[in-house]
Amino acid sequence: MPRANRATRITGLLASVLMLVGAVAACGSSDSPSDEAKPGSGSTKAPASSAFPVTIANKYGSTTIKSEPKRVVTVGLTDQDAVLALGTVPVGTTEWIGGYKGAVGPWAQDKLGSAAAPTVLKDTGTGPQVEKIAALKPDLILALYSGLTKAQYDTLSKFAPVVAQPEEFNDYGIPWQQQTETIGKALGRSEEAAKLVEGVEAKFAEAKKAHPDFAASTAVMATPYEGTFVYGSQDARSRLLSDLGLKLPADLDKVIGDQFGANISKERTDLLDQGVAVWIVPDTTGAVAKLHKDKLYADLKVVKEGREVFVKESGDYGNAVSLSTVLSIPYVLDRLVPQLAAAVDGDPATKVEQPAS
């Protein structure tokens, strides 16, 4: 899978495939371990005392959190950002996109402050590192942006309450808004989570107001992973486009199925011929040239009329696009919105510039 999806190239393609990281949901709460194990984490804001106990539904049932979590481990590949935004530094995070200490991107560094970086866990395709997670003595395990299996959920639930992915969305399909709000509920900070969501949604509203032409355009998000991989409507990257008012292809999910994305056949190259095609690519030179050597794709109007946007997958911008969290989205919008505006302005001569950084 692509970078949910740095996954198969594990921590490789961000327009690549999702790494099936397991994450979990579970029940009851274990005794709160001492804070001696692994420094540098913990809550920096006090939740409302009336917030607990709280029960959160998930794909495998429901999880009850009896008291304020103090040692949070994130198994979900992007869950750490919401935790940090709400004033808690996780004791452990799961690496998806490599290169960041503690798996904390530059858009979230100020939330880490002077605290020690979280211990980084890895999933090489076999699921969460159970022994290492247990050694961190968590009192809450978050696995919202994940593909956690029932077996992994049950195993992790032996150590701490597990909040797994919700049932109503595909694996790795939870919207950033619900991810933030659910984590806020789990941490006893629902009101703060709602304010965070409201703040980011205001940025989307501002962009839509400034660019009413977005609402008149269609868009698709893809990556040249093992051919052409297209992201479905529930994927975080596609949600960026729809949250900006752009319309996704009408038959997108019919082609993709109940997954975050899928490779399409040559016969469905027409799916890419939208008002704008956003590509997450290994680089913005050679990879683009290779795409344009495919005559079937190069003959589409979206190419001939210069309505393509290219995002380098391995830089901070590309990483932020793949994460698409409450903290990374403002960083993304500052760069993506100008590119989209240039692509859909109706003038083929308008160049879609790459962000300076």
Protein backbone atom coordinates (compact mmCIF):
# COMPACT_ATOMS: atom_id res chain seq x y z
CA MET A 1 0.00 0.00 0.00
CA PRO A 2 1.16 3.52 -0.45
CA ARG A 3 2.09 5.90 2.16
CA ALA A 4 -0.98 5.52 4.67
CA ASN A 5 1.06 4.53 3.01
CA ARG A 6 4.63 4.87 3.53
CA ALA A 7 3.72 1.56 4.35
CA THR A 8 4.81 -0.91 1.91
CA ARG A 9 7.99 0.82 1.25
CA ILE A 10 7.68 1.03 4.86
CA THR A 11 8.25 4.59 5.64
CA GLY A 12 8.84 5.03 2.06
CA LEU A 13 6.24 6.22 -0.38
CA LEU A 14 4.01 8.83 0.94
CA ALA A 15 1.78 8.74 -1.77
CA SER A 16 2.65 5.27 -1.36
CA VAL A 17 0.99 2.65 0.61
CA LEU A 18 -0.19 2.43 4.10
CA MET A 19 1.74 0.42 6.45
CA LEU A 20 -0.70 -1.88 8.13
CA VAL A 21 0.18 -0.86 11.56
CA GLY A 22 -1.94 -2.41 14.14
CA ALA A 23 -3.58 -0.38 16.69
CA VAL A 24 -6.11 -1.30 19.16
CA ALA A 25 -9.15 -0.78 21.11
CA ALA A 26 -9.85 -2.25 24.38
CA CYS A 27 -11.48 -2.18 27.62
CA GLY A 28 -10.90 -1.45 31.18
CA SER A 29 -8.00 0.39 32.58
CA SER A 30 -4.90 -1.04 34.10
CA ASP A 31 -3.22 0.24 37.21
CA SER A 32 -1.45 3.45 36.46
CA PRO A 33 2.25 2.62 36.33
CA SER A 34 4.80 4.87 37.90
CA ASP A 35 6.28 7.61 35.77
CA GLU A 36 9.77 6.22 36.21
CA ALA A 37 9.82 4.29 32.97
CA LYS A 38 10.77 6.34 29.92
CA PRO A 39 10.92 10.02 30.77
CA GLY A 40 9.71 12.87 28.68
CA SER A 41 6.05 12.29 28.50
CA GLY A 42 2.92 12.87 30.30
CA SER A 43 0.15 15.37 30.64
CA THR A 44 0.86 19.07 30.80
CA LYS A 45 -2.77 20.13 31.15
CA ALA A 46 -5.29 18.97 33.68
CA PRO A 47 -8.49 17.47 32.25
CA ALA A 48 -11.87 18.07 33.80
CA SER A 49 -12.20 15.79 36.82
CA SER A 50 -15.72 14.93 35.72
CA ALA A 51 -14.51 13.58 32.35
CA PHE A 52 -13.89 10.09 33.68
CA PRO A 53 -14.80 7.33 33.42
CA VAL A 54 -15.43 7.60 29.70
CA THR A 55 -16.37 4.88 27.22
CA ILE A 56 -15.44 5.09 23.54
CA ALA A 57 -16.81 2.79 20.83
CA ASN A 58 -14.46 1.25 18.29
CA LYS A 59 -14.37 -1.37 15.55
CA TYR A 60 -14.07 -4.20 18.05
CA GLY A 61 -16.44 -3.06 20.78
CA SER A 62 -15.88 -0.30 23.30
CA THR A 63 -13.13 0.88 25.61
CA THR A 64 -13.57 2.35 29.06
CA ILE A 65 -10.96 4.75 30.41
CA LYS A 66 -11.44 5.01 34.17
CA SER A 67 -9.14 7.90 35.00
CA GLU A 68 -6.87 10.49 33.43
CA PRO A 69 -4.26 8.77 31.22
CA LYS A 70 -0.70 9.76 32.09
CA ARG A 71 1.31 7.39 29.90
CA VAL A 72 -0.07 7.37 26.36
CA VAL A 73 1.29 5.21 23.55
CA THR A 74 0.14 5.93 19.99
CA VAL A 75 -0.11 2.93 17.69
CA GLY A 76 -2.14 4.89 15.16
CA LEU A 77 0.30 6.30 12.62
CA THR A 78 -0.81 9.92 12.99
CA ASP A 79 -2.46 9.95 16.41
CA GLN A 80 0.49 11.61 18.13
CA ASP A 81 -0.29 15.04 16.68
CA ALA A 82 -3.70 15.33 18.32
CA VAL A 83 -2.25 14.08 21.62
CA LEU A 84 0.45 16.76 21.47
CA ALA A 85 -2.02 19.44 20.43
CA LEU A 86 -4.05 18.64 23.54
CA GLY A 87 -1.13 19.11 25.86
CA THR A 88 0.13 15.57 26.42
CA VAL A 89 3.47 14.19 25.28
CA PRO A 90 3.13 10.46 24.49
CA VAL A 91 5.61 8.07 26.06
CA GLY A 92 5.67 6.17 22.77
CA THR A 93 4.80 6.86 19.14
CA THR A 94 4.73 4.59 16.09
CA GLU A 95 6.95 5.65 13.20
CA TRP A 96 5.40 5.77 9.80
CA ILE A 97 7.22 8.59 8.11
CA GLY A 98 10.87 8.47 9.11
CA GLY A 99 13.32 11.19 9.90
CA TYR A 100 11.69 12.92 12.85
CA LYS A 101 12.89 12.49 16.40
CA GLY A 102 10.11 10.97 18.43
CA ALA A 103 8.01 10.79 15.23
CA VAL A 104 7.16 14.45 15.84
CA GLY A 105 7.14 16.62 12.70
CA PRO A 106 8.23 20.28 12.54
CA TRP A 107 4.59 21.43 12.64
CA ALA A 108 4.27 19.83 16.10
CA GLN A 109 7.69 20.59 17.60
CA ASP A 110 6.50 23.54 19.66
CA LYS A 111 3.96 21.25 21.34
CA LEU A 112 6.79 18.99 22.46
CA GLY A 113 8.55 21.90 24.09
CA SER A 114 11.38 20.91 26.43
CA ALA A 115 9.99 17.44 27.12
CA ALA A 116 12.02 14.42 26.10
CA ALA A 117 10.98 13.00 22.73
CA PRO A 118 8.72 9.92 22.84
CA THR A 119 10.18 6.46 22.38
CA VAL A 120 9.70 5.50 18.73
CA LEU A 121 8.12 2.14 17.92
CA LYS A 122 8.11 0.53 14.51
CA ASP A 123 5.81 -1.74 12.55
CA THR A 124 7.61 -3.59 9.83
CA GLY A 125 4.46 -5.30 8.63
CA THR A 126 3.93 -7.76 11.48
CA GLY A 127 1.95 -5.47 13.73
CA PRO A 128 2.68 -3.39 16.83
CA GLN A 129 5.82 -4.16 18.86
CA VAL A 130 3.92 -5.64 21.77
CA GLU A 131 6.86 -6.20 24.13
CA LYS A 132 8.21 -2.69 23.64
CA ILE A 133 4.76 -1.21 24.14
CA ALA A 134 4.32 -3.21 27.35
CA ALA A 135 7.74 -2.00 28.59
CA LEU A 136 6.53 1.60 28.32
CA LYS A 137 3.83 0.80 30.91
CA PRO A 138 1.05 2.64 29.11
CA ASP A 139 -2.27 3.46 30.72
CA LEU A 140 -3.79 4.29 27.31
CA ILE A 141 -3.06 3.00 23.81
CA LEU A 142 -4.45 4.96 20.86
CA ALA A 143 -4.93 3.28 17.48
CA LEU A 144 -7.41 5.47 15.64
CA TYR A 145 -5.50 5.98 12.38
CA SER A 146 -4.67 2.32 11.99
CA GLY A 147 -5.47 -1.06 10.54
CA LEU A 148 -5.41 -2.84 13.87
CA THR A 149 -6.69 -6.40 13.75
CA LYS A 150 -8.93 -7.99 16.38
CA ALA A 151 -6.06 -10.22 17.53
CA GLN A 152 -3.75 -7.22 17.91
CA TYR A 153 -6.47 -5.33 19.73
CA ASP A 154 -7.01 -8.18 22.16
CA THR A 155 -3.29 -8.53 22.81
CA LEU A 156 -2.70 -4.85 23.46
CA SER A 157 -5.79 -4.65 25.65
CA LYS A 158 -4.02 -6.85 28.18
CA PHE A 159 -1.72 -3.93 28.99
CA ALA A 160 -3.99 -0.91 28.84
CA PRO A 161 -7.30 0.38 27.46
CA VAL A 162 -7.05 0.51 23.66
CA VAL A 163 -8.98 3.00 21.53
CA ALA A 164 -8.98 1.42 18.08
CA GLN A 165 -10.20 2.68 14.72
CA PRO A 166 -13.94 3.42 14.45
CA GLU A 167 -16.22 0.92 12.76
CA GLU A 168 -17.93 3.43 10.47
CA PHE A 169 -14.85 4.16 8.37
CA ASN A 170 -12.34 2.11 6.41
CA ASP A 171 -9.11 1.26 8.19
CA TYR A 172 -6.92 4.39 8.07
CA GLY A 173 -10.06 6.28 7.12
CA ILE A 174 -10.97 8.27 10.24
CA PRO A 175 -11.42 11.98 9.47
CA TRP A 176 -8.95 14.27 11.23
CA GLN A 177 -11.84 16.01 12.98
CA GLN A 178 -13.14 12.80 14.55
CA GLN A 179 -9.60 11.65 15.34
CA THR A 180 -8.98 14.87 17.28
CA GLU A 181 -12.32 14.81 19.06
CA THR A 182 -12.03 11.14 20.02
CA ILE A 183 -8.53 11.65 21.41
CA GLY A 184 -9.82 14.70 23.27
CA LYS A 185 -12.51 12.55 24.85
CA ALA A 186 -9.98 9.88 25.79
CA LEU A 187 -7.75 12.47 27.47
CA GLY A 188 -10.57 14.29 29.21
CA ARG A 189 -10.18 17.38 27.03
CA SER A 190 -13.21 17.34 24.77
CA GLU A 191 -13.74 21.10 24.94
CA GLU A 192 -10.16 21.82 23.92
CA ALA A 193 -10.40 19.29 21.09
CA ALA A 194 -13.54 20.97 19.76
CA LYS A 195 -11.75 24.34 19.73
CA LEU A 196 -8.80 22.86 17.86
CA VAL A 197 -11.11 21.41 15.21
CA GLU A 198 -12.99 24.69 14.93
CA GLY A 199 -9.74 26.57 14.39
CA VAL A 200 -8.57 24.35 11.54
CA GLU A 201 -12.00 24.25 9.93
CA ALA A 202 -11.90 28.06 9.91
CA LYS A 203 -8.74 27.86 7.79
CA PHE A 204 -10.52 25.62 5.28
CA ALA A 205 -13.45 28.06 5.22
CA GLU A 206 -11.09 30.96 4.60
CA ALA A 207 -9.44 29.15 1.70
CA LYS A 208 -12.80 28.26 0.13
CA LYS A 209 -14.00 31.84 0.42
CA ALA A 210 -10.83 33.12 -1.24
CA HIS A 211 -11.08 30.53 -4.03
CA PRO A 212 -14.73 29.96 -4.99
CA ASP A 213 -13.52 28.24 -8.16
CA PHE A 214 -12.59 25.22 -6.04
CA ALA A 215 -16.29 24.40 -5.67
CA ALA A 216 -16.65 24.27 -9.45
CA SER A 217 -13.77 21.86 -9.93
CA THR A 218 -13.17 18.15 -9.51
CA ALA A 219 -9.95 16.70 -8.12
CA VAL A 220 -8.18 13.43 -7.52
CA MET A 221 -5.17 12.46 -5.40
CA ALA A 222 -2.79 9.80 -6.72
CA THR A 223 0.74 8.44 -6.52
CA PRO A 224 2.88 6.41 -8.98
CA TYR A 225 3.10 3.42 -6.66
CA GLU A 226 3.35 0.11 -8.53
CA GLY A 227 1.63 1.77 -11.46
CA THR A 228 -1.03 4.30 -10.55
CA PHE A 229 -2.42 4.29 -7.02
CA VAL A 230 -5.46 6.47 -6.40
CA TYR A 231 -6.67 7.49 -2.95
CA GLY A 232 -10.33 6.94 -2.04
CA SER A 233 -12.72 9.44 -0.50
CA GLN A 234 -12.03 8.29 3.05
CA ASP A 235 -8.28 8.73 2.79
CA ALA A 236 -6.83 11.71 4.65
CA ARG A 237 -5.22 13.08 1.49
CA SER A 238 -8.44 13.00 -0.49
CA ARG A 239 -10.24 14.59 2.45
CA LEU A 240 -7.90 17.59 2.11
CA LEU A 241 -9.34 18.18 -1.34
CA SER A 242 -12.98 17.68 -0.41
CA ASP A 243 -12.60 19.83 2.72
CA LEU A 244 -11.43 22.61 0.40
CA GLY A 245 -14.63 22.30 -1.59
CA LEU A 246 -13.25 20.35 -4.54
CA LYS A 247 -15.38 17.44 -5.74
CA LEU A 248 -13.89 13.95 -5.95
CA PRO A 249 -14.69 11.75 -8.98
CA ALA A 250 -18.25 10.45 -8.74
CA ASP A 251 -17.25 6.82 -9.19
CA LEU A 252 -14.05 7.00 -7.15
CA ASP A 253 -15.09 4.65 -4.35
CA LYS A 254 -16.73 2.27 -6.78
CA VAL A 255 -13.30 1.81 -8.38
CA ILE A 256 -11.34 1.85 -5.09
CA GLY A 257 -13.62 -0.35 -3.00
CA ASP A 258 -13.68 -0.24 0.81
CA GLN A 259 -10.03 0.68 1.14
CA PHE A 260 -8.14 3.92 1.61
CA GLY A 261 -6.93 3.58 -1.97
CA ALA A 262 -6.03 1.14 -4.71
CA ASN A 263 -4.11 0.71 -7.93
CA ILE A 264 -6.17 1.37 -11.03
CA SER A 265 -5.89 -0.35 -14.38
CA LYS A 266 -4.82 1.39 -17.58
CA GLU A 267 -8.45 1.20 -18.67
CA ARG A 268 -9.37 3.54 -15.81
CA THR A 269 -6.75 6.20 -16.50
CA ASP A 270 -9.75 8.44 -17.24
CA LEU A 271 -10.25 8.66 -13.47
CA LEU A 272 -7.26 11.02 -13.42
CA ASP A 273 -8.76 13.44 -15.94
CA GLN A 274 -10.24 15.85 -13.39
CA GLY A 275 -10.18 19.58 -12.86
CA VAL A 276 -6.90 19.03 -11.05
CA ALA A 277 -4.77 15.94 -10.46
CA VAL A 278 -2.64 16.05 -7.30
CA TRP A 279 0.30 13.66 -7.39
CA ILE A 280 2.49 12.63 -4.48
CA VAL A 281 5.76 11.74 -6.17
CA PRO A 282 9.30 10.64 -5.20
CA ASP A 283 10.62 13.82 -6.80
CA THR A 284 9.25 16.65 -8.92
CA THR A 285 11.54 16.14 -11.91
CA GLY A 286 12.32 12.57 -12.96
CA ALA A 287 9.12 11.08 -11.56
CA VAL A 288 7.04 13.67 -13.38
CA ALA A 289 8.89 13.06 -16.65
CA LYS A 290 8.20 9.34 -16.26
CA LEU A 291 4.50 9.99 -15.73
CA HIS A 292 4.37 12.08 -18.88
CA LYS A 293 6.01 9.34 -20.94
CA ASP A 294 2.84 7.35 -20.52
CA LYS A 295 0.93 8.42 -23.61
CA LEU A 296 -2.40 7.29 -22.20
CA TYR A 297 -1.98 9.70 -19.30
CA ALA A 298 -0.14 12.44 -21.21
CA ASP A 299 -3.04 12.74 -23.67
CA LEU A 300 -5.51 13.64 -20.94
CA LYS A 301 -6.74 17.25 -20.76
CA VAL A 302 -5.56 17.57 -17.16
CA VAL A 303 -2.00 17.20 -18.45
CA LYS A 304 -2.32 19.19 -21.65
CA GLU A 305 -3.92 22.11 -19.81
CA GLY A 306 -1.36 22.17 -17.00
CA ARG A 307 -3.77 21.27 -14.22
CA GLU A 308 -1.42 19.02 -12.26
CA VAL A 309 -0.04 19.57 -8.76
CA PHE A 310 3.05 17.68 -7.66
CA VAL A 311 4.00 17.13 -4.03
CA LYS A 312 7.37 15.60 -3.18
CA GLU A 313 6.59 12.78 -0.83
CA SER A 314 9.77 12.73 1.24
CA GLY A 315 9.98 16.36 2.34
CA ASP A 316 8.22 18.09 5.22
CA TYR A 317 5.44 19.23 2.88
CA GLY A 318 4.80 15.74 1.53
CA ASN A 319 5.00 14.25 5.01
CA ALA A 320 2.50 16.79 6.31
CA VAL A 321 0.11 15.98 3.44
CA SER A 322 0.22 12.29 4.27
CA LEU A 323 -0.33 12.84 7.97
CA SER A 324 -3.15 15.39 7.50
CA THR A 325 -3.65 15.99 11.21
CA VAL A 326 -4.99 18.87 13.26
CA LEU A 327 -1.40 20.16 13.52
CA SER A 328 -0.06 19.40 10.05
CA ILE A 329 -3.04 20.64 8.01
CA PRO A 330 -2.40 24.40 8.53
CA TYR A 331 1.17 23.78 7.36
CA VAL A 332 -0.21 21.98 4.30
CA LEU A 333 -2.82 24.60 3.41
CA ASP A 334 -0.20 27.35 3.24
CA ARG A 335 1.47 25.39 0.43
CA LEU A 336 -1.29 23.38 -1.24
CA VAL A 337 -3.90 26.11 -1.66
CA PRO A 338 -1.72 28.33 -3.91
CA GLN A 339 -0.86 25.31 -6.04
CA LEU A 340 -4.50 24.29 -6.43
CA ALA A 341 -5.50 27.87 -7.23
CA ALA A 342 -2.94 28.03 -10.04
CA ALA A 343 -4.07 24.67 -11.42
CA VAL A 344 -7.78 25.48 -11.62
CA ASP A 345 -7.60 29.11 -12.75
CA GLY A 346 -8.59 28.21 -16.32
CA ASP A 347 -5.35 29.47 -17.87
CA PRO A 348 -3.04 26.69 -19.15
CA ALA A 349 -0.16 29.16 -19.13
CA THR A 350 -0.30 29.56 -15.34
CA LYS A 351 2.59 27.66 -13.83
CA VAL A 352 1.95 25.62 -10.70
CA GLU A 353 4.91 26.60 -8.57
CA GLN A 354 6.58 24.35 -6.02
CA PRO A 355 6.63 25.71 -2.44
CA ALA A 356 9.93 27.27 -1.40
CA SER A 357 10.06 24.91 1.58
